[in-house]
Every structure is written in structure tokens, then in C-alpha cells.
Amino acid sequence: MIRKGHHNGSSYWYCKTCNRYSSGRKKPSQEAIFNRYSQGTFTIKELSQEFNISASTVKRMLRNYTVTKVVHTPGKVVVQMDTTYWGRNFGLVLFMDAATHHILHHFFIRGKERIEDYKQGLAYLEQLGWEVAGVVADGLSGLKNSLIQTPYQYCQFHQAQRIRQLLTLKPRMLAAQELQRIVSRLTQSNRSEFAHLLEDWRERWDDFLKEKTYEENGVNFHYTHRKLRAAYRSLKEHLEQLFTYQDFPMGVMPNTNNAVESFNSWLKRKLQLHPGLSPARRETLISNLIMAYNPISRKGDLNPCRSILTLR
């Protein structure tokens, strides 16, 4: 071994036996580079300077790095499903364990979410040995009819958000104000109580809901309070699915999809640190972040009563 110069603060050596050069520096691991890249605001150039390696080496190590996937033991599970987007044509479909908040399955789609995407994901989980005891989702049209054999909880937050879109935050009509107050009691009610409140409201405002506005020809018409009618119809159609969680032991099935929405926000904050990624590199980074995701490290110890072992 003979000394062959000095570069970038390191001495270089040449081995006559194997005909190779070495600097004697300890090379950074792929895991260390990935952690700095995904958890911080570092660019490729900044990482190359920090680890004293070339930018092309950093790119290669990130491209070839794969997080060791955590293997979950199959069992009974309540699945929270959702799709989040980056732009119009790049979506991520997620399937989360409602008890542990681990991501059990994910895949990417190009275009709008479809019922078939969710059915495909649930079928894949069943192939792995999971017994899907129920699902929580945000109310994709037609989803409840495709899950007849599986208990389905429609996210109460999304339902309240839909009513807010139709009635606004501060509706002027007294009927809309009353309906909004009923919706505000959604999370504190049960199925029969909420159904009674809704039916009582409809009977009180039935004539008002039936008011019509005729066109100039005196024949064609539309209902005057269309958005109010749409709000009532939305609540009526989802009434059974809004309280499915109450058919399970307390804490087993959540009444909202907030855990998945929180994960989506966390994931997007990570991706915002790295704009300009190619679709392939974006998919790689997202998949690695998902596999490295540890909900306990973010939330602390999970509530033991929310274990899948409490399912019957």
C-alpha cells in the first residue's frame, strides 16, 4: 500500500496487490443518507457536501435504497381507506389498520379513484390472511353498495363537511340553521336518536322543502331550496353507515378517517421538502417513507383498548 496524493481533505492510497485506490474514509450508509434526505430539508448537493461524496453517488444510493418492510401478523382488522393526490393524475391509495395505524397496503393510481381500487386492495389483504371486520372510508359514490358483506362506516367528518359545503358556515334560512345544529350533534348521538331528530326536522319543514320555482312557460320547475334538500338527502342516505362504529366494541372502529388524513398530511409535508422529483423517484420516496413509518414514534403508546384482539 503506497500513498498516492491528497484530495478533498483525505489521503489516497494505492494497493499494488488488488490495483485499487482507497481514501481510508468510512463510506456513509444508504440508510443514513436516506434518513437525512427524507427527514430533513437537504438537497442532493447539500448531502454530497455533508457526506463528502459526489452528487451522482447520492442519487444512486437513494435510487437503490429500499427500507426493510415490516411484516404484520394477519388477523382481524378494521381498515381505514383513503386516496390522496399530488396533482390530478398521481394518486396514492392507502389501507390503514384502525387499531395500530400501520399502513397494511398501498399502491399508486393514475387518474381518479375507483371502487375497483378499494375492492382490489381489500382482496389483496384477504389473500395475505387478514380478516376484514369492517372498513372506514369517506363516502365514494357507490362504495357502500359494493361492500354489502362488510360493515362500512362513513366518515362523520366528511359528512359534516359535505353539509357545510351545501349550507355554508352561517346559513340565513332558519331551516338550514336548525339542520346545521342537528349535524353538530352527530358525534354525540346514536343512530335512533339522530334519525328521530332528522325525521322531526323534515316533518316541520316539509312544506318549505316542497316549494317550487316555475320557469316562464309555467310548466317546467325546480325546487326552490335545492341545496337544503340535497343536505337532507345526504344525511338520510348515509344514516345507517354514519353509526356503524357503534355496532362494535368501544374504540375498535373509529367514526372518522382522521388517522388516515393525518398520515396524508404528514406524508405531503415530507414531499414538499423535495419539489421537482420525477414520478419514479417520487414513488420510491413515498414507498420508503410508508415502510419506515412508525405511528408509535409520532403518537406515543397507542390506547391498548384499540387492539384488534378486542374484535369479536
C-alpha atoms as a PDB file:
ATOM      1  CA  MET A   1       0.000   0.000   0.000  1.00  0.00           C
ATOM      2  CA  ILE A   2       1.553   3.299  -1.070  1.00  0.00           C
ATOM      3  CA  ARG A   3       0.352   6.857  -0.659  1.00  0.00           C
ATOM      4  CA  LYS A   4      -0.946   8.416  -3.892  1.00  0.00           C
ATOM      5  CA  GLY A   5      -1.861  12.004  -3.063  1.00  0.00           C
ATOM      6  CA  HIS A   6      -4.315  14.167  -1.171  1.00  0.00           C
ATOM      7  CA  HIS A   7      -7.814  15.281  -2.252  1.00  0.00           C
ATOM      8  CA  ASN A   8     -10.868  16.832  -0.507  1.00  0.00           C
ATOM      9  CA  GLY A   9      -9.179  16.650   2.858  1.00  0.00           C
ATOM     10  CA  SER A  10      -8.320  12.937   2.560  1.00  0.00           C
ATOM     11  CA  SER A  11      -5.206  10.989   1.701  1.00  0.00           C
ATOM     12  CA  TYR A  12      -5.492   8.468  -1.113  1.00  0.00           C
ATOM     13  CA  TRP A  13      -3.700   5.122  -1.120  1.00  0.00           C
ATOM     14  CA  TYR A  14      -2.948   2.582  -3.843  1.00  0.00           C
ATOM     15  CA  CYS A  15      -2.867  -1.180  -3.256  1.00  0.00           C
ATOM     16  CA  LYS A  16      -0.371  -2.971  -5.529  1.00  0.00           C
ATOM     17  CA  THR A  17      -1.994  -6.326  -4.850  1.00  0.00           C
ATOM     18  CA  CYS A  18      -5.573  -5.562  -5.920  1.00  0.00           C
ATOM     19  CA  ASN A  19      -4.792  -2.490  -8.041  1.00  0.00           C
ATOM     20  CA  ARG A  20      -7.390  -0.367  -6.253  1.00  0.00           C
ATOM     21  CA  TYR A  21      -7.381   3.131  -4.752  1.00  0.00           C
ATOM     22  CA  SER A  22      -8.872   3.997  -1.373  1.00  0.00           C
ATOM     23  CA  SER A  23      -9.103   7.099   0.784  1.00  0.00           C
ATOM     24  CA  GLY A  24      -9.427   5.399   4.128  1.00  0.00           C
ATOM     25  CA  ARG A  25     -12.670   7.248   4.779  1.00  0.00           C
ATOM     26  CA  LYS A  26     -15.681   5.372   6.100  1.00  0.00           C
ATOM     27  CA  LYS A  27     -18.387   5.481   3.461  1.00  0.00           C
ATOM     28  CA  PRO A  28     -21.827   6.655   4.623  1.00  0.00           C
ATOM     29  CA  SER A  29     -24.544   4.037   4.646  1.00  0.00           C
ATOM     30  CA  GLN A  30     -27.552   4.205   2.349  1.00  0.00           C
ATOM     31  CA  GLU A  31     -29.786   4.304   5.415  1.00  0.00           C
ATOM     32  CA  ALA A  32     -28.005   7.363   6.798  1.00  0.00           C
ATOM     33  CA  ILE A  33     -28.320   9.231   3.504  1.00  0.00           C
ATOM     34  CA  PHE A  34     -31.983   8.277   3.080  1.00  0.00           C
ATOM     35  CA  ASN A  35     -32.833   9.358   6.630  1.00  0.00           C
ATOM     36  CA  ARG A  36     -31.204  12.753   6.108  1.00  0.00           C
ATOM     37  CA  TYR A  37     -32.924  13.151   2.750  1.00  0.00           C
ATOM     38  CA  SER A  38     -36.413  12.119   3.835  1.00  0.00           C
ATOM     39  CA  GLN A  39     -36.482  13.640   7.320  1.00  0.00           C
ATOM     40  CA  GLY A  40     -34.806  16.946   6.583  1.00  0.00           C
ATOM     41  CA  THR A  41     -34.694  19.744   4.022  1.00  0.00           C
ATOM     42  CA  PHE A  42     -31.449  18.667   2.416  1.00  0.00           C
ATOM     43  CA  THR A  43     -30.916  18.778  -1.334  1.00  0.00           C
ATOM     44  CA  ILE A  44     -28.763  16.326  -3.278  1.00  0.00           C
ATOM     45  CA  LYS A  45     -25.970  18.900  -3.433  1.00  0.00           C
ATOM     46  CA  GLU A  46     -26.076  19.568   0.309  1.00  0.00           C
ATOM     47  CA  LEU A  47     -25.974  15.834   1.063  1.00  0.00           C
ATOM     48  CA  SER A  48     -22.977  15.351  -1.225  1.00  0.00           C
ATOM     49  CA  GLN A  49     -21.149  18.122   0.629  1.00  0.00           C
ATOM     50  CA  GLU A  50     -22.107  16.802   4.074  1.00  0.00           C
ATOM     51  CA  PHE A  51     -21.043  13.214   3.368  1.00  0.00           C
ATOM     52  CA  ASN A  52     -18.153  14.277   1.118  1.00  0.00           C
ATOM     53  CA  ILE A  53     -19.292  12.155  -1.815  1.00  0.00           C
ATOM     54  CA  SER A  54     -20.370  13.084  -5.329  1.00  0.00           C
ATOM     55  CA  ALA A  55     -23.947  14.090  -6.190  1.00  0.00           C
ATOM     56  CA  SER A  56     -24.221  11.147  -8.585  1.00  0.00           C
ATOM     57  CA  THR A  57     -23.288   8.781  -5.748  1.00  0.00           C
ATOM     58  CA  VAL A  58     -26.009  10.292  -3.547  1.00  0.00           C
ATOM     59  CA  LYS A  59     -28.564   9.861  -6.338  1.00  0.00           C
ATOM     60  CA  ARG A  60     -27.511   6.266  -6.932  1.00  0.00           C
ATOM     61  CA  MET A  61     -27.682   5.377  -3.236  1.00  0.00           C
ATOM     62  CA  LEU A  62     -31.137   6.940  -2.892  1.00  0.00           C
ATOM     63  CA  ARG A  63     -32.366   5.222  -6.035  1.00  0.00           C
ATOM     64  CA  ASN A  64     -31.167   1.796  -4.921  1.00  0.00           C
ATOM     65  CA  TYR A  65     -32.163   2.090  -1.260  1.00  0.00           C
ATOM     66  CA  THR A  66     -35.084   0.003  -0.031  1.00  0.00           C
ATOM     67  CA  VAL A  67     -36.445   0.146   3.503  1.00  0.00           C
ATOM     68  CA  THR A  68     -36.916  -3.220   5.154  1.00  0.00           C
ATOM     69  CA  LYS A  69     -40.653  -3.745   5.141  1.00  0.00           C
ATOM     70  CA  VAL A  70     -42.277  -4.505   8.477  1.00  0.00           C
ATOM     71  CA  VAL A  71     -44.193  -7.777   8.341  1.00  0.00           C
ATOM     72  CA  HIS A  72     -47.507  -7.623  10.212  1.00  0.00           C
ATOM     73  CA  THR A  73     -49.148 -10.747  11.568  1.00  0.00           C
ATOM     74  CA  PRO A  74     -52.538 -11.170   9.860  1.00  0.00           C
ATOM     75  CA  GLY A  75     -55.688 -11.252  11.984  1.00  0.00           C
ATOM     76  CA  LYS A  76     -58.987  -9.469  12.350  1.00  0.00           C
ATOM     77  CA  VAL A  77     -58.739  -5.848  11.337  1.00  0.00           C
ATOM     78  CA  VAL A  78     -60.801  -2.730  10.748  1.00  0.00           C
ATOM     79  CA  VAL A  79     -59.394  -0.992   7.680  1.00  0.00           C
ATOM     80  CA  GLN A  80     -59.355   2.759   7.087  1.00  0.00           C
ATOM     81  CA  MET A  81     -59.182   3.512   3.352  1.00  0.00           C
ATOM     82  CA  ASP A  82     -58.424   6.732   1.529  1.00  0.00           C
ATOM     83  CA  THR A  83     -56.808   8.164  -1.594  1.00  0.00           C
ATOM     84  CA  THR A  84     -54.632  11.265  -1.625  1.00  0.00           C
ATOM     85  CA  TYR A  85     -53.340  13.140  -4.668  1.00  0.00           C
ATOM     86  CA  TRP A  86     -50.385  15.115  -5.928  1.00  0.00           C
ATOM     87  CA  GLY A  87     -51.894  16.902  -8.890  1.00  0.00           C
ATOM     88  CA  ARG A  88     -54.711  15.397 -10.939  1.00  0.00           C
ATOM     89  CA  ASN A  89     -53.031  12.302 -12.278  1.00  0.00           C
ATOM     90  CA  PHE A  90     -50.929  10.943  -9.438  1.00  0.00           C
ATOM     91  CA  GLY A  91     -52.746   9.326  -6.533  1.00  0.00           C
ATOM     92  CA  LEU A  92     -51.892   7.076  -3.603  1.00  0.00           C
ATOM     93  CA  VAL A  93     -54.425   4.536  -2.289  1.00  0.00           C
ATOM     94  CA  LEU A  94     -53.893   3.644   1.382  1.00  0.00           C
ATOM     95  CA  PHE A  95     -55.179   0.869   3.634  1.00  0.00           C
ATOM     96  CA  MET A  96     -54.505   1.508   7.333  1.00  0.00           C
ATOM     97  CA  ASP A  97     -55.045  -0.670  10.390  1.00  0.00           C
ATOM     98  CA  ALA A  98     -57.501   1.315  12.525  1.00  0.00           C
ATOM     99  CA  ALA A  99     -56.062  -0.144  15.750  1.00  0.00           C
ATOM    100  CA  THR A 100     -52.318   0.351  15.244  1.00  0.00           C
ATOM    101  CA  HIS A 101     -52.318   2.975  12.430  1.00  0.00           C
ATOM    102  CA  HIS A 102     -49.831   0.902  10.456  1.00  0.00           C
ATOM    103  CA  ILE A 103     -50.148   1.039   6.677  1.00  0.00           C
ATOM    104  CA  LEU A 104     -51.024  -2.505   5.605  1.00  0.00           C
ATOM    105  CA  HIS A 105     -51.094  -1.910   1.855  1.00  0.00           C
ATOM    106  CA  HIS A 106     -50.695   0.883  -0.670  1.00  0.00           C
ATOM    107  CA  PHE A 107     -50.438   1.376  -4.417  1.00  0.00           C
ATOM    108  CA  PHE A 108     -50.350   4.237  -6.908  1.00  0.00           C
ATOM    109  CA  ILE A 109     -53.005   5.194  -9.445  1.00  0.00           C
ATOM    110  CA  ARG A 110     -53.110   7.479 -12.446  1.00  0.00           C
ATOM    111  CA  GLY A 111     -56.410   9.340 -12.527  1.00  0.00           C
ATOM    112  CA  LYS A 112     -59.443   9.338 -10.241  1.00  0.00           C
ATOM    113  CA  GLU A 113     -60.045   6.791  -7.516  1.00  0.00           C
ATOM    114  CA  ARG A 114     -62.486   3.982  -8.335  1.00  0.00           C
ATOM    115  CA  ILE A 115     -64.479   1.481  -6.342  1.00  0.00           C
ATOM    116  CA  GLU A 116     -62.448  -1.256  -8.035  1.00  0.00           C
ATOM    117  CA  ASP A 117     -59.272   0.183  -6.480  1.00  0.00           C
ATOM    118  CA  TYR A 118     -60.624  -0.299  -2.962  1.00  0.00           C
ATOM    119  CA  LYS A 119     -62.055  -3.738  -3.735  1.00  0.00           C
ATOM    120  CA  GLN A 120     -58.703  -4.761  -5.197  1.00  0.00           C
ATOM    121  CA  GLY A 121     -56.862  -3.581  -2.072  1.00  0.00           C
ATOM    122  CA  LEU A 122     -59.237  -5.371   0.307  1.00  0.00           C
ATOM    123  CA  ALA A 123     -58.987  -8.562  -1.754  1.00  0.00           C
ATOM    124  CA  TYR A 124     -55.186  -8.352  -1.547  1.00  0.00           C
ATOM    125  CA  LEU A 125     -55.338  -8.047   2.265  1.00  0.00           C
ATOM    126  CA  GLU A 126     -57.591 -11.088   2.442  1.00  0.00           C
ATOM    127  CA  GLN A 127     -55.113 -13.026   0.310  1.00  0.00           C
ATOM    128  CA  LEU A 128     -52.442 -12.176   2.884  1.00  0.00           C
ATOM    129  CA  GLY A 129     -54.614 -13.699   5.602  1.00  0.00           C
ATOM    130  CA  TRP A 130     -56.311 -10.611   7.031  1.00  0.00           C
ATOM    131  CA  GLU A 131     -59.951 -10.900   8.059  1.00  0.00           C
ATOM    132  CA  VAL A 132     -61.539  -7.542   7.289  1.00  0.00           C
ATOM    133  CA  ALA A 133     -64.102  -6.960  10.050  1.00  0.00           C
ATOM    134  CA  GLY A 134     -65.087  -3.504   8.804  1.00  0.00           C
ATOM    135  CA  VAL A 135     -63.969  -0.513   6.776  1.00  0.00           C
ATOM    136  CA  VAL A 136     -63.966   3.254   7.273  1.00  0.00           C
ATOM    137  CA  ALA A 137     -63.989   5.495   4.202  1.00  0.00           C
ATOM    138  CA  ASP A 138     -65.005   8.959   3.023  1.00  0.00           C
ATOM    139  CA  GLY A 139     -68.088   8.068   1.009  1.00  0.00           C
ATOM    140  CA  LEU A 140     -67.033   7.451  -2.585  1.00  0.00           C
ATOM    141  CA  SER A 141     -70.229   7.170  -4.603  1.00  0.00           C
ATOM    142  CA  GLY A 142     -71.366   3.553  -4.849  1.00  0.00           C
ATOM    143  CA  LEU A 143     -68.896   2.271  -2.271  1.00  0.00           C
ATOM    144  CA  LYS A 144     -71.468   1.216   0.322  1.00  0.00           C
ATOM    145  CA  ASN A 145     -73.345  -0.872  -2.249  1.00  0.00           C
ATOM    146  CA  SER A 146     -70.165  -2.701  -3.227  1.00  0.00           C
ATOM    147  CA  LEU A 147     -69.380  -3.587   0.419  1.00  0.00           C
ATOM    148  CA  ILE A 148     -72.670  -5.225   1.337  1.00  0.00           C
ATOM    149  CA  GLN A 149     -70.953  -8.092   3.153  1.00  0.00           C
ATOM    150  CA  THR A 150     -68.560  -5.817   5.069  1.00  0.00           C
ATOM    151  CA  PRO A 151     -69.622  -3.342   7.804  1.00  0.00           C
ATOM    152  CA  TYR A 152     -68.979   0.134   6.435  1.00  0.00           C
ATOM    153  CA  GLN A 153     -68.524   3.334   8.421  1.00  0.00           C
ATOM    154  CA  TYR A 154     -68.938   6.587   6.524  1.00  0.00           C
ATOM    155  CA  CYS A 155     -66.566   9.204   7.957  1.00  0.00           C
ATOM    156  CA  GLN A 156     -68.621  11.590  10.091  1.00  0.00           C
ATOM    157  CA  PHE A 157     -66.183  14.424   9.446  1.00  0.00           C
ATOM    158  CA  HIS A 158     -66.671  14.137   5.688  1.00  0.00           C
ATOM    159  CA  GLN A 159     -70.423  14.060   6.176  1.00  0.00           C
ATOM    160  CA  ALA A 160     -70.326  17.251   8.242  1.00  0.00           C
ATOM    161  CA  GLN A 161     -68.004  18.810   5.663  1.00  0.00           C
ATOM    162  CA  ARG A 162     -70.475  17.965   2.890  1.00  0.00           C
ATOM    163  CA  ILE A 163     -73.311  19.653   4.797  1.00  0.00           C
ATOM    164  CA  ARG A 164     -71.099  22.690   5.359  1.00  0.00           C
ATOM    165  CA  GLN A 165     -70.452  22.923   1.616  1.00  0.00           C
ATOM    166  CA  LEU A 166     -74.187  22.897   0.885  1.00  0.00           C
ATOM    167  CA  LEU A 167     -75.414  25.166   3.690  1.00  0.00           C
ATOM    168  CA  THR A 168     -72.299  27.361   4.239  1.00  0.00           C
ATOM    169  CA  LEU A 169     -70.914  28.133   7.695  1.00  0.00           C
ATOM    170  CA  LYS A 170     -73.578  30.729   8.502  1.00  0.00           C
ATOM    171  CA  PRO A 171     -76.813  29.903   6.648  1.00  0.00           C
ATOM    172  CA  ARG A 172     -79.511  32.555   6.603  1.00  0.00           C
ATOM    173  CA  MET A 173     -82.584  30.323   6.418  1.00  0.00           C
ATOM    174  CA  LEU A 174     -83.980  29.139   9.745  1.00  0.00           C
ATOM    175  CA  ALA A 175     -84.487  25.623   8.368  1.00  0.00           C
ATOM    176  CA  ALA A 176     -80.822  25.412   7.370  1.00  0.00           C
ATOM    177  CA  GLN A 177     -79.732  26.723  10.768  1.00  0.00           C
ATOM    178  CA  GLU A 178     -81.761  24.026  12.515  1.00  0.00           C
ATOM    179  CA  LEU A 179     -80.370  21.295  10.265  1.00  0.00           C
ATOM    180  CA  GLN A 180     -76.862  22.556  10.928  1.00  0.00           C
ATOM    181  CA  ARG A 181     -77.455  22.303  14.690  1.00  0.00           C
ATOM    182  CA  ILE A 182     -78.629  18.713  14.237  1.00  0.00           C
ATOM    183  CA  VAL A 183     -75.452  17.887  12.304  1.00  0.00           C
ATOM    184  CA  SER A 184     -73.357  19.419  15.079  1.00  0.00           C
ATOM    185  CA  ARG A 185     -74.727  16.687  17.386  1.00  0.00           C
ATOM    186  CA  LEU A 186     -73.674  13.906  15.024  1.00  0.00           C
ATOM    187  CA  THR A 187     -70.712  12.692  17.071  1.00  0.00           C
ATOM    188  CA  GLN A 188     -72.704  12.754  20.339  1.00  0.00           C
ATOM    189  CA  SER A 189     -75.779  10.911  19.010  1.00  0.00           C
ATOM    190  CA  ASN A 190     -76.684   7.327  18.269  1.00  0.00           C
ATOM    191  CA  ARG A 191     -78.477   6.012  15.192  1.00  0.00           C
ATOM    192  CA  SER A 192     -82.029   6.094  16.566  1.00  0.00           C
ATOM    193  CA  GLU A 193     -81.654   9.488  18.242  1.00  0.00           C
ATOM    194  CA  PHE A 194     -80.198  11.113  15.151  1.00  0.00           C
ATOM    195  CA  ALA A 195     -82.856   9.517  12.920  1.00  0.00           C
ATOM    196  CA  HIS A 196     -85.561  10.916  15.208  1.00  0.00           C
ATOM    197  CA  LEU A 197     -84.052  14.423  15.067  1.00  0.00           C
ATOM    198  CA  LEU A 198     -83.792  14.241  11.292  1.00  0.00           C
ATOM    199  CA  GLU A 199     -87.355  12.999  10.812  1.00  0.00           C
ATOM    200  CA  ASP A 200     -88.733  15.605  13.197  1.00  0.00           C
ATOM    201  CA  TRP A 201     -86.940  18.320  11.206  1.00  0.00           C
ATOM    202  CA  ARG A 202     -88.314  17.015   7.895  1.00  0.00           C
ATOM    203  CA  GLU A 203     -91.888  16.973   9.175  1.00  0.00           C
ATOM    204  CA  ARG A 204     -91.554  20.521  10.483  1.00  0.00           C
ATOM    205  CA  TRP A 205     -90.139  21.851   7.209  1.00  0.00           C
ATOM    206  CA  ASP A 206     -91.826  19.541   4.709  1.00  0.00           C
ATOM    207  CA  ASP A 207     -93.893  22.260   3.001  1.00  0.00           C
ATOM    208  CA  PHE A 208     -90.852  24.531   2.844  1.00  0.00           C
ATOM    209  CA  LEU A 209     -88.780  21.799   1.164  1.00  0.00           C
ATOM    210  CA  LYS A 210     -91.512  21.256  -1.435  1.00  0.00           C
ATOM    211  CA  GLU A 211     -91.582  24.871  -2.591  1.00  0.00           C
ATOM    212  CA  LYS A 212     -91.065  25.149  -6.351  1.00  0.00           C
ATOM    213  CA  THR A 213     -89.849  27.854  -8.692  1.00  0.00           C
ATOM    214  CA  TYR A 214     -91.526  27.740 -12.131  1.00  0.00           C
ATOM    215  CA  GLU A 215     -89.967  28.886 -15.372  1.00  0.00           C
ATOM    216  CA  GLU A 216     -91.611  31.427 -17.637  1.00  0.00           C
ATOM    217  CA  ASN A 217     -93.602  28.754 -19.504  1.00  0.00           C
ATOM    218  CA  GLY A 218     -95.361  27.869 -16.261  1.00  0.00           C
ATOM    219  CA  VAL A 219     -94.684  24.159 -16.746  1.00  0.00           C
ATOM    220  CA  ASN A 220     -91.033  23.435 -16.026  1.00  0.00           C
ATOM    221  CA  PHE A 221     -89.848  23.988 -12.476  1.00  0.00           C
ATOM    222  CA  HIS A 222     -87.080  23.297  -9.995  1.00  0.00           C
ATOM    223  CA  TYR A 223     -87.224  23.057  -6.223  1.00  0.00           C
ATOM    224  CA  THR A 224     -86.508  26.440  -4.669  1.00  0.00           C
ATOM    225  CA  HIS A 225     -84.272  25.162  -1.871  1.00  0.00           C
ATOM    226  CA  ARG A 226     -82.239  22.621  -3.781  1.00  0.00           C
ATOM    227  CA  LYS A 227     -79.120  22.733  -1.594  1.00  0.00           C
ATOM    228  CA  LEU A 228     -81.170  22.329   1.574  1.00  0.00           C
ATOM    229  CA  ARG A 229     -82.905  19.319   0.047  1.00  0.00           C
ATOM    230  CA  ALA A 230     -79.526  17.911  -1.024  1.00  0.00           C
ATOM    231  CA  ALA A 231     -78.187  18.286   2.525  1.00  0.00           C
ATOM    232  CA  TYR A 232     -81.159  16.426   3.997  1.00  0.00           C
ATOM    233  CA  ARG A 233     -80.957  13.718   1.333  1.00  0.00           C
ATOM    234  CA  SER A 234     -77.240  13.194   2.011  1.00  0.00           C
ATOM    235  CA  LEU A 235     -77.891  12.674   5.722  1.00  0.00           C
ATOM    236  CA  LYS A 236     -80.828  10.385   5.019  1.00  0.00           C
ATOM    237  CA  GLU A 237     -78.912   8.220   2.548  1.00  0.00           C
ATOM    238  CA  HIS A 238     -75.903   7.771   4.848  1.00  0.00           C
ATOM    239  CA  LEU A 239     -77.843   7.427   8.091  1.00  0.00           C
ATOM    240  CA  GLU A 240     -77.157   3.714   8.585  1.00  0.00           C
ATOM    241  CA  GLN A 241     -73.456   3.996   7.684  1.00  0.00           C
ATOM    242  CA  LEU A 242     -72.837   7.013   9.931  1.00  0.00           C
ATOM    243  CA  PHE A 243     -73.221   4.916  13.089  1.00  0.00           C
ATOM    244  CA  THR A 244     -71.748   1.541  12.102  1.00  0.00           C
ATOM    245  CA  TYR A 245     -68.932   2.123  14.603  1.00  0.00           C
ATOM    246  CA  GLN A 246     -71.456   1.837  17.447  1.00  0.00           C
ATOM    247  CA  ASP A 247     -72.095  -1.798  16.465  1.00  0.00           C
ATOM    248  CA  PHE A 248     -68.509  -2.608  17.501  1.00  0.00           C
ATOM    249  CA  PRO A 249     -66.924  -2.631  20.981  1.00  0.00           C
ATOM    250  CA  MET A 250     -65.881   0.841  22.066  1.00  0.00           C
ATOM    251  CA  GLY A 251     -62.698   2.046  20.369  1.00  0.00           C
ATOM    252  CA  VAL A 252     -62.460  -0.747  17.789  1.00  0.00           C
ATOM    253  CA  MET A 253     -63.925   1.128  14.812  1.00  0.00           C
ATOM    254  CA  PRO A 254     -63.354   4.904  14.573  1.00  0.00           C
ATOM    255  CA  ASN A 255     -66.179   7.181  13.460  1.00  0.00           C
ATOM    256  CA  THR A 256     -63.900   9.284  11.241  1.00  0.00           C
ATOM    257  CA  ASN A 257     -60.985   8.790   8.871  1.00  0.00           C
ATOM    258  CA  ASN A 258     -58.873  11.331  10.740  1.00  0.00           C
ATOM    259  CA  ALA A 259     -55.968   8.921  11.283  1.00  0.00           C
ATOM    260  CA  VAL A 260     -55.505   8.434   7.531  1.00  0.00           C
ATOM    261  CA  GLU A 261     -55.967  12.152   6.851  1.00  0.00           C
ATOM    262  CA  SER A 262     -53.296  12.901   9.459  1.00  0.00           C
ATOM    263  CA  PHE A 263     -50.924  10.452   7.785  1.00  0.00           C
ATOM    264  CA  ASN A 264     -51.630  12.035   4.386  1.00  0.00           C
ATOM    265  CA  SER A 265     -50.747  15.474   5.786  1.00  0.00           C
ATOM    266  CA  TRP A 266     -47.531  14.116   7.309  1.00  0.00           C
ATOM    267  CA  LEU A 267     -46.597  12.471   4.019  1.00  0.00           C
ATOM    268  CA  LYS A 268     -47.268  15.589   1.949  1.00  0.00           C
ATOM    269  CA  ARG A 269     -45.190  17.726   4.281  1.00  0.00           C
ATOM    270  CA  LYS A 270     -42.300  15.344   3.661  1.00  0.00           C
ATOM    271  CA  LEU A 271     -42.778  15.519  -0.110  1.00  0.00           C
ATOM    272  CA  GLN A 272     -42.965  19.331  -0.052  1.00  0.00           C
ATOM    273  CA  LEU A 273     -39.341  19.339   1.079  1.00  0.00           C
ATOM    274  CA  HIS A 274     -38.330  17.777  -2.242  1.00  0.00           C
ATOM    275  CA  PRO A 275     -40.027  19.536  -5.179  1.00  0.00           C
ATOM    276  CA  GLY A 276     -39.203  18.591  -8.731  1.00  0.00           C
ATOM    277  CA  LEU A 277     -38.935  14.844  -8.199  1.00  0.00           C
ATOM    278  CA  SER A 278     -39.503  12.615 -11.197  1.00  0.00           C
ATOM    279  CA  PRO A 279     -42.583  10.352 -10.918  1.00  0.00           C
ATOM    280  CA  ALA A 280     -40.386   7.277 -10.451  1.00  0.00           C
ATOM    281  CA  ARG A 281     -38.285   8.859  -7.697  1.00  0.00           C
ATOM    282  CA  ARG A 282     -41.418  10.245  -6.038  1.00  0.00           C
ATOM    283  CA  GLU A 283     -42.946   6.764  -5.915  1.00  0.00           C
ATOM    284  CA  THR A 284     -39.737   5.362  -4.451  1.00  0.00           C
ATOM    285  CA  LEU A 285     -39.565   8.045  -1.772  1.00  0.00           C
ATOM    286  CA  ILE A 286     -43.247   7.645  -0.845  1.00  0.00           C
ATOM    287  CA  SER A 287     -42.971   3.851  -0.619  1.00  0.00           C
ATOM    288  CA  ASN A 288     -39.864   4.074   1.546  1.00  0.00           C
ATOM    289  CA  LEU A 289     -41.476   6.643   3.825  1.00  0.00           C
ATOM    290  CA  ILE A 290     -44.532   4.421   4.209  1.00  0.00           C
ATOM    291  CA  MET A 291     -42.441   1.353   5.037  1.00  0.00           C
ATOM    292  CA  ALA A 292     -40.357   3.366   7.517  1.00  0.00           C
ATOM    293  CA  TYR A 293     -43.447   4.965   9.097  1.00  0.00           C
ATOM    294  CA  ASN A 294     -43.806   4.285  12.818  1.00  0.00           C
ATOM    295  CA  PRO A 295     -47.079   5.662  14.251  1.00  0.00           C
ATOM    296  CA  ILE A 296     -45.995   4.978  17.839  1.00  0.00           C
ATOM    297  CA  SER A 297     -42.989   7.289  17.478  1.00  0.00           C
ATOM    298  CA  ARG A 298     -45.347  10.091  16.402  1.00  0.00           C
ATOM    299  CA  LYS A 299     -48.270   9.470  18.724  1.00  0.00           C
ATOM    300  CA  GLY A 300     -46.737   7.724  21.706  1.00  0.00           C
ATOM    301  CA  ASP A 301     -48.143   4.456  23.016  1.00  0.00           C
ATOM    302  CA  LEU A 302     -51.453   3.600  21.409  1.00  0.00           C
ATOM    303  CA  ASN A 303     -54.522   3.032  23.509  1.00  0.00           C
ATOM    304  CA  PRO A 304     -54.478  -0.675  24.432  1.00  0.00           C
ATOM    305  CA  CYS A 305     -58.270  -0.891  24.223  1.00  0.00           C
ATOM    306  CA  ARG A 306     -57.936  -0.278  20.466  1.00  0.00           C
ATOM    307  CA  SER A 307     -56.322  -3.629  19.860  1.00  0.00           C
ATOM    308  CA  ILE A 308     -57.523  -5.911  17.119  1.00  0.00           C
ATOM    309  CA  LEU A 309     -57.774  -8.573  19.815  1.00  0.00           C
ATOM    310  CA  THR A 310     -60.946  -6.932  21.082  1.00  0.00           C
ATOM    311  CA  LEU A 311     -62.770  -7.687  17.845  1.00  0.00           C
ATOM    312  CA  ARG A 312     -65.439 -10.342  18.005  1.00  0.00           C
END
